[in-house]
Amino acid sequence: MRFAVGMSVRLEPMREQQGRSGRFPAISVLSSRIPRQPFLSRLDMDPVRRQHYLKALGIDQWVARTANVASANVGAVAETVHAARSPTPAPTPASPAPESVATAVPLPARVRAEPVQGATKAATATVTVTTVAMAAEERQRPQMPPHQVPADWDGLRAAVRDCRACKLCESRTQTVFGVGPEQSALLVVGEAPGADEDAQGEPFVGRAGKLLDQMLAAIGHSRTDSVFIANVLKCRPPGNRDPEADEVRACRPFLDQQIRLIRPRLILALGRIAAQRLLDTDQPLSKLRGPLHAYGDTRTPVLVSYHPAYLLRSPREKAKSWQDLKQVWRQLHAPPG
């Protein structure tokens, strides 16, 4: 049997040796006494001692893996042992990494967070400065003179349909003029058309529109006989975003003319955006609800309530909305003067 360094030892001859000499227990004892040494130091073992170990293991001849196994002999083994005893140059220790490489090691999370926080503050400051600059530019921009609007219903409808006074004309499907009797006691004003309104050309359709119809019916009114419904804007803002100041200014003459033609006894502004744009204020909805406001030169009374879409998202606020509707009813049915 031959044994090559680094190769596994077959156990069948060891079992045969155990059967012949019964020395298998001694082998386990000897192997337990062999110290763990590097590879080259094991090659440097005394040949007599090695032969003793190999004989105990049942190995007749030991040959290094790099040697020619077919022609291995005792002289080759001796040469291998002699080569193993020759001094081996020590491996060159790896040079330490330069300091510049050490700086590339990721820093602790707390240290890395500091520049991120600084970047966030810088980004916030940039957004703030940009917003202020845009507001200043808006104030300095020359105001367009109010475009002339027709004083009759047919001319007003045509002017709204063909309007190109602001950028919303480029993204709209169609304008949303309004719906209801031309002589109505109540004018309901929302902020702007949504996707459904833009597609159908009528304000307050879909789920929010159905809820509004139910609210009006609860106080004895409807859009078909006594309520005109319109919006601050006649075109849908992209993505249903809030109306911008220049868009409100461009549409304001149309709404003003509608109010002059309708001559309502009361205006009901639905939602924060509609109320703020209609009353030219930045007060929150909680401050605008309740008091009776006035609009324009005619001092038309204005009440503010929740938008139906908000009530669909927040059903608990319907009780407050009912209080607003009762105030609308009282205002409409109050004796004149």
Protein backbone atom coordinates (compact mmCIF):
# COMPACT_ATOMS: atom_id res chain seq x y z
CA MET A 1 0.00 0.00 0.00
CA ARG A 2 1.27 3.48 -0.86
CA PHE A 3 0.44 6.77 0.87
CA ALA A 4 0.73 10.18 -0.74
CA VAL A 5 0.94 13.30 1.39
CA GLY A 6 -2.31 15.19 1.41
CA MET A 7 -4.38 12.19 0.25
CA SER A 8 -6.92 10.35 2.36
CA VAL A 9 -5.90 6.95 3.79
CA ARG A 10 -7.92 3.89 2.83
CA LEU A 11 -9.26 2.12 5.89
CA GLU A 12 -9.58 -1.41 4.43
CA PRO A 13 -5.83 -2.29 4.91
CA MET A 14 -6.05 -0.90 8.44
CA ARG A 15 -8.89 -3.28 9.23
CA GLU A 16 -6.86 -6.14 7.70
CA GLN A 17 -3.85 -5.11 9.80
CA GLN A 18 -6.08 -5.07 12.85
CA GLY A 19 -7.11 -8.59 12.11
CA ARG A 20 -3.54 -9.78 11.67
CA SER A 21 -1.78 -8.05 14.53
CA GLY A 22 -4.49 -6.63 16.72
CA ARG A 23 -2.59 -3.32 16.90
CA PHE A 24 -5.49 -1.09 15.86
CA PRO A 25 -5.96 0.19 19.43
CA ALA A 26 -2.30 1.16 19.56
CA ILE A 27 -2.70 3.09 16.34
CA SER A 28 -5.37 5.27 17.88
CA VAL A 29 -3.11 5.93 20.85
CA LEU A 30 -0.16 6.84 18.67
CA SER A 31 -2.27 9.09 16.48
CA SER A 32 -3.55 10.87 19.54
CA ARG A 33 0.02 11.55 20.63
CA ILE A 34 1.08 13.03 17.28
CA PRO A 35 1.23 16.79 17.74
CA ARG A 36 -0.42 19.08 15.20
CA GLN A 37 2.50 20.52 13.24
CA PRO A 38 2.89 22.44 10.01
CA PHE A 39 3.24 20.46 6.80
CA LEU A 40 6.98 20.94 6.39
CA SER A 41 7.74 19.95 9.98
CA ARG A 42 5.91 16.65 9.43
CA LEU A 43 8.17 16.00 6.45
CA ASP A 44 11.15 16.63 8.73
CA MET A 45 10.21 13.62 10.91
CA ASP A 46 12.92 11.05 11.65
CA PRO A 47 12.73 8.34 8.93
CA VAL A 48 12.86 5.49 11.46
CA ARG A 49 10.00 7.00 13.45
CA ARG A 50 8.07 7.61 10.27
CA GLN A 51 8.50 4.02 9.14
CA HIS A 52 7.27 2.91 12.58
CA TYR A 53 4.13 4.98 12.20
CA LEU A 54 3.58 3.88 8.63
CA LYS A 55 4.01 0.24 9.55
CA ALA A 56 1.51 0.65 12.38
CA LEU A 57 -0.91 2.17 9.87
CA GLY A 58 -0.37 -0.71 7.44
CA ILE A 59 1.43 1.46 4.86
CA ASP A 60 4.32 -0.24 3.14
CA GLN A 61 5.79 2.76 1.35
CA TRP A 62 5.39 6.53 1.68
CA VAL A 63 5.83 8.80 -1.36
CA ALA A 64 5.33 12.55 -1.60
CA ARG A 65 2.52 13.70 -3.88
CA THR A 66 4.93 15.57 -6.14
CA ALA A 67 7.10 12.53 -6.70
CA ASN A 68 6.71 9.99 -9.49
CA VAL A 69 4.65 7.30 -7.79
CA ALA A 70 5.35 4.69 -10.42
CA SER A 71 9.14 4.79 -9.86
CA ALA A 72 9.19 5.71 -6.19
CA ASN A 73 11.83 3.97 -4.05
CA VAL A 74 13.65 4.47 -0.80
CA GLY A 75 16.18 6.83 -2.43
CA ALA A 76 13.42 9.03 -3.72
CA VAL A 77 11.95 9.18 -0.21
CA ALA A 78 15.34 10.19 1.17
CA GLU A 79 15.68 12.93 -1.42
CA THR A 80 12.22 14.18 -0.54
CA VAL A 81 13.13 14.27 3.16
CA HIS A 82 16.39 16.06 2.34
CA ALA A 83 14.53 18.65 0.28
CA ALA A 84 12.12 19.11 3.14
CA ARG A 85 15.03 19.80 5.54
CA SER A 86 16.44 22.54 3.33
CA PRO A 87 15.64 26.01 4.64
CA THR A 88 12.55 27.51 3.16
CA PRO A 89 12.46 31.24 2.67
CA ALA A 90 10.01 32.84 5.04
CA PRO A 91 7.02 34.36 3.36
CA THR A 92 7.24 38.08 2.95
CA PRO A 93 4.87 39.71 5.42
CA ALA A 94 2.12 41.69 3.79
CA SER A 95 2.75 45.38 3.97
CA PRO A 96 0.21 47.23 6.09
CA ALA A 97 -2.57 48.95 4.23
CA PRO A 98 -1.97 52.63 3.69
CA GLU A 99 -3.94 55.07 5.75
CA SER A 100 -5.88 56.19 2.70
CA VAL A 101 -7.38 52.70 2.41
CA ALA A 102 -8.39 52.73 6.05
CA THR A 103 -10.43 55.81 5.49
CA ALA A 104 -12.59 53.88 3.02
CA VAL A 105 -13.87 51.60 5.80
CA PRO A 106 -17.55 52.44 6.49
CA LEU A 107 -17.93 54.66 9.50
CA PRO A 108 -20.34 53.89 12.33
CA ALA A 109 -23.97 54.68 11.63
CA ARG A 110 -23.96 57.66 14.01
CA VAL A 111 -21.02 59.26 12.22
CA ARG A 112 -22.46 58.59 8.76
CA ALA A 113 -25.77 60.13 9.79
CA GLU A 114 -24.25 63.55 10.42
CA PRO A 115 -23.59 64.48 6.78
CA VAL A 116 -27.01 63.08 5.81
CA GLN A 117 -28.68 65.36 8.34
CA GLY A 118 -26.67 68.24 7.05
CA ALA A 119 -27.71 67.42 3.49
CA THR A 120 -31.35 67.29 4.59
CA LYS A 121 -31.07 70.70 6.23
CA ALA A 122 -29.40 72.08 3.13
CA ALA A 123 -32.11 70.62 0.90
CA THR A 124 -34.82 72.07 3.15
CA ALA A 125 -33.14 75.46 3.06
CA THR A 126 -32.90 75.24 -0.72
CA VAL A 127 -36.60 74.42 -1.03
CA THR A 128 -37.48 77.29 1.31
CA VAL A 129 -35.34 79.77 -0.59
CA THR A 130 -36.80 78.55 -3.89
CA THR A 131 -40.35 78.91 -2.59
CA VAL A 132 -39.69 82.43 -1.36
CA ALA A 133 -38.06 83.34 -4.65
CA MET A 134 -41.02 81.97 -6.61
CA ALA A 135 -43.45 83.95 -4.44
CA ALA A 136 -41.42 87.12 -4.97
CA GLU A 137 -41.31 86.50 -8.70
CA GLU A 138 -45.07 85.98 -8.71
CA ARG A 139 -45.58 89.33 -6.97
CA GLN A 140 -43.22 91.12 -9.35
CA ARG A 141 -44.74 89.54 -12.46
CA PRO A 142 -46.86 92.08 -14.32
CA GLN A 143 -50.52 91.36 -13.72
CA MET A 144 -52.60 90.64 -16.79
CA PRO A 145 -55.55 92.96 -17.12
CA PRO A 146 -58.86 91.22 -16.46
CA HIS A 147 -60.16 89.86 -19.72
CA GLN A 148 -63.55 91.07 -20.77
CA VAL A 149 -66.30 88.53 -20.33
CA PRO A 150 -69.71 88.61 -21.98
CA ALA A 151 -72.64 89.80 -19.89
CA ASP A 152 -75.07 87.15 -21.16
CA TRP A 153 -75.27 83.44 -20.53
CA ASP A 154 -74.65 82.29 -24.07
CA GLY A 155 -71.65 84.53 -24.56
CA LEU A 156 -70.26 83.56 -21.14
CA ARG A 157 -70.55 79.86 -21.90
CA ALA A 158 -68.73 80.33 -25.21
CA ALA A 159 -66.01 82.42 -23.56
CA VAL A 160 -65.40 79.73 -20.94
CA ARG A 161 -65.38 76.99 -23.56
CA ASP A 162 -62.74 78.76 -25.66
CA CYS A 163 -60.70 80.24 -22.80
CA ARG A 164 -56.91 80.05 -23.04
CA ALA A 165 -56.07 82.56 -20.33
CA CYS A 166 -53.88 80.15 -18.33
CA LYS A 167 -51.83 76.99 -18.80
CA LEU A 168 -54.67 74.66 -17.77
CA CYS A 169 -56.10 74.92 -21.29
CA GLU A 170 -53.25 72.68 -22.48
CA SER A 171 -54.13 69.71 -20.27
CA ARG A 172 -57.92 69.84 -19.94
CA THR A 173 -60.35 67.58 -21.75
CA GLN A 174 -63.06 70.21 -21.65
CA THR A 175 -64.12 73.15 -19.52
CA VAL A 176 -66.68 72.74 -16.73
CA PHE A 177 -68.96 75.77 -16.80
CA GLY A 178 -71.49 74.82 -14.15
CA VAL A 179 -74.95 73.35 -13.87
CA GLY A 180 -78.30 74.48 -12.48
CA PRO A 181 -81.05 77.04 -13.03
CA GLU A 182 -79.80 80.46 -14.14
CA GLN A 183 -81.88 82.03 -11.38
CA SER A 184 -81.04 80.13 -8.17
CA ALA A 185 -81.32 81.08 -4.53
CA LEU A 186 -78.21 79.03 -3.63
CA LEU A 187 -74.86 78.97 -5.41
CA VAL A 188 -72.56 76.08 -4.43
CA VAL A 189 -68.89 76.67 -5.25
CA GLY A 190 -66.17 74.01 -5.22
CA GLU A 191 -62.49 74.37 -5.92
CA ALA A 192 -61.92 72.79 -9.34
CA PRO A 193 -63.07 69.95 -11.59
CA GLY A 194 -61.75 66.46 -10.93
CA ALA A 195 -61.14 63.64 -13.38
CA ASP A 196 -64.82 62.69 -13.64
CA GLU A 197 -65.88 66.31 -14.06
CA ASP A 198 -63.23 66.88 -16.71
CA ALA A 199 -64.55 63.87 -18.63
CA GLN A 200 -68.27 64.68 -18.31
CA GLY A 201 -68.17 68.47 -18.33
CA GLU A 202 -70.37 68.78 -15.22
CA PRO A 203 -69.32 69.75 -11.67
CA PHE A 204 -69.66 67.41 -8.69
CA VAL A 205 -70.26 64.03 -10.29
CA GLY A 206 -69.25 60.62 -9.01
CA ARG A 207 -69.51 59.64 -5.34
CA ALA A 208 -68.89 63.18 -4.08
CA GLY A 209 -71.59 64.50 -6.40
CA LYS A 210 -74.12 61.93 -5.21
CA LEU A 211 -73.40 62.85 -1.59
CA LEU A 212 -73.85 66.54 -2.40
CA ASP A 213 -77.23 65.80 -4.00
CA GLN A 214 -78.27 63.95 -0.84
CA MET A 215 -77.13 66.86 1.33
CA LEU A 216 -79.10 69.36 -0.74
CA ALA A 217 -82.18 67.13 -0.77
CA ALA A 218 -82.05 67.00 3.04
CA ILE A 219 -82.79 70.74 3.13
CA GLY A 220 -85.29 70.65 0.28
CA HIS A 221 -83.10 71.74 -2.66
CA SER A 222 -81.54 70.20 -5.76
CA ARG A 223 -79.33 71.17 -8.66
CA THR A 224 -82.25 70.87 -11.05
CA ASP A 225 -84.60 73.42 -9.52
CA SER A 226 -83.00 75.83 -7.04
CA VAL A 227 -79.20 75.34 -6.82
CA PHE A 228 -76.49 76.37 -9.28
CA ILE A 229 -73.19 74.49 -8.87
CA ALA A 230 -69.87 75.85 -10.12
CA ASN A 231 -66.17 75.84 -9.32
CA VAL A 232 -63.48 78.44 -8.69
CA LEU A 233 -61.64 77.00 -11.71
CA LYS A 234 -63.30 75.93 -14.94
CA CYS A 235 -60.47 73.54 -15.91
CA ARG A 236 -59.03 70.56 -14.08
CA PRO A 237 -55.52 71.06 -12.61
CA PRO A 238 -53.19 68.19 -13.55
CA GLY A 239 -53.23 65.44 -10.96
CA ASN A 240 -56.02 67.22 -9.05
CA ARG A 241 -53.46 69.52 -7.43
CA ASP A 242 -54.50 72.72 -5.68
CA PRO A 243 -55.33 75.67 -7.94
CA GLU A 244 -52.49 78.14 -8.34
CA ALA A 245 -52.81 81.88 -7.85
CA ASP A 246 -52.50 82.83 -11.52
CA GLU A 247 -55.11 80.21 -12.47
CA VAL A 248 -57.55 81.61 -9.90
CA ARG A 249 -57.00 85.13 -11.23
CA ALA A 250 -57.62 83.99 -14.80
CA CYS A 251 -60.90 82.29 -13.87
CA ARG A 252 -62.16 84.87 -11.38
CA PRO A 253 -63.91 87.07 -14.00
CA PHE A 254 -66.00 84.10 -15.13
CA LEU A 255 -67.13 83.27 -11.59
CA ASP A 256 -67.83 86.93 -10.84
CA GLN A 257 -70.00 87.20 -13.93
CA GLN A 258 -71.87 84.03 -12.98
CA ILE A 259 -72.60 85.50 -9.55
CA ARG A 260 -73.88 88.73 -11.12
CA LEU A 261 -76.13 86.80 -13.48
CA ILE A 262 -77.44 84.32 -10.88
CA ARG A 263 -77.83 86.84 -8.07
CA PRO A 264 -78.00 84.14 -5.36
CA ARG A 265 -79.22 84.81 -1.86
CA LEU A 266 -76.37 82.69 -0.46
CA ILE A 267 -73.06 81.18 -1.60
CA LEU A 268 -71.98 77.90 -0.05
CA ALA A 269 -68.22 77.35 -0.39
CA LEU A 270 -67.30 73.66 -0.07
CA GLY A 271 -63.78 72.84 1.14
CA ARG A 272 -60.78 74.81 2.30
CA ILE A 273 -59.42 75.66 -1.16
CA ALA A 274 -62.73 77.02 -2.45
CA ALA A 275 -63.29 79.07 0.69
CA GLN A 276 -59.79 80.52 0.76
CA ARG A 277 -59.79 81.39 -2.94
CA LEU A 278 -63.31 82.79 -2.82
CA LEU A 279 -62.70 84.94 0.29
CA ASP A 280 -59.06 85.72 -0.53
CA THR A 281 -57.76 84.51 2.83
CA ASP A 282 -55.38 81.89 4.20
CA GLN A 283 -57.34 81.08 7.36
CA PRO A 284 -57.96 77.37 8.03
CA LEU A 285 -61.33 75.79 7.42
CA SER A 286 -61.96 75.51 11.16
CA LYS A 287 -61.90 79.31 11.39
CA LEU A 288 -63.96 79.89 8.26
CA ARG A 289 -66.80 77.53 9.21
CA GLY A 290 -69.65 79.07 11.20
CA PRO A 291 -69.41 82.84 10.62
CA LEU A 292 -71.31 84.45 7.78
CA HIS A 293 -68.90 86.02 5.28
CA ALA A 294 -69.49 88.41 2.39
CA TYR A 295 -68.28 88.20 -1.19
CA GLY A 296 -67.48 90.94 -3.68
CA ASP A 297 -68.98 94.34 -4.17
CA THR A 298 -72.48 92.97 -3.83
CA ARG A 299 -71.63 91.62 -0.34
CA THR A 300 -73.30 88.33 -1.13
CA PRO A 301 -73.49 86.20 2.06
CA VAL A 302 -71.09 83.23 2.12
CA LEU A 303 -71.12 80.15 4.35
CA VAL A 304 -68.30 77.59 4.43
CA SER A 305 -68.61 73.84 4.96
CA TYR A 306 -66.77 70.59 4.29
CA HIS A 307 -66.24 69.24 0.79
CA PRO A 308 -68.27 66.06 0.09
CA ALA A 309 -65.10 64.20 -0.88
CA TYR A 310 -63.68 64.97 2.58
CA LEU A 311 -66.88 63.70 4.22
CA LEU A 312 -66.50 60.42 2.33
CA ARG A 313 -63.03 60.05 3.84
CA SER A 314 -64.08 61.30 7.30
CA PRO A 315 -67.67 60.20 8.00
CA ARG A 316 -67.45 61.48 11.60
CA GLU A 317 -67.51 65.05 10.30
CA LYS A 318 -70.97 64.58 8.76
CA ALA A 319 -72.58 65.76 12.00
CA LYS A 320 -70.78 69.11 11.69
CA SER A 321 -71.74 69.29 8.04
CA TRP A 322 -75.38 68.82 9.01
CA GLN A 323 -75.13 71.80 11.32
CA ASP A 324 -73.81 73.83 8.39
CA LEU A 325 -76.70 72.67 6.19
CA LYS A 326 -79.22 73.73 8.79
CA GLN A 327 -77.59 77.16 8.84
CA VAL A 328 -77.89 77.27 5.04
CA TRP A 329 -81.60 76.45 5.29
CA ARG A 330 -82.16 79.18 7.88
CA GLN A 331 -80.33 81.72 5.74
CA LEU A 332 -82.33 80.84 2.63
CA HIS A 333 -85.66 80.89 4.43
CA ALA A 334 -85.05 83.93 6.58
CA PRO A 335 -87.36 86.86 5.86
CA PRO A 336 -85.74 89.46 3.62
CA GLY A 337 -84.11 92.46 5.23
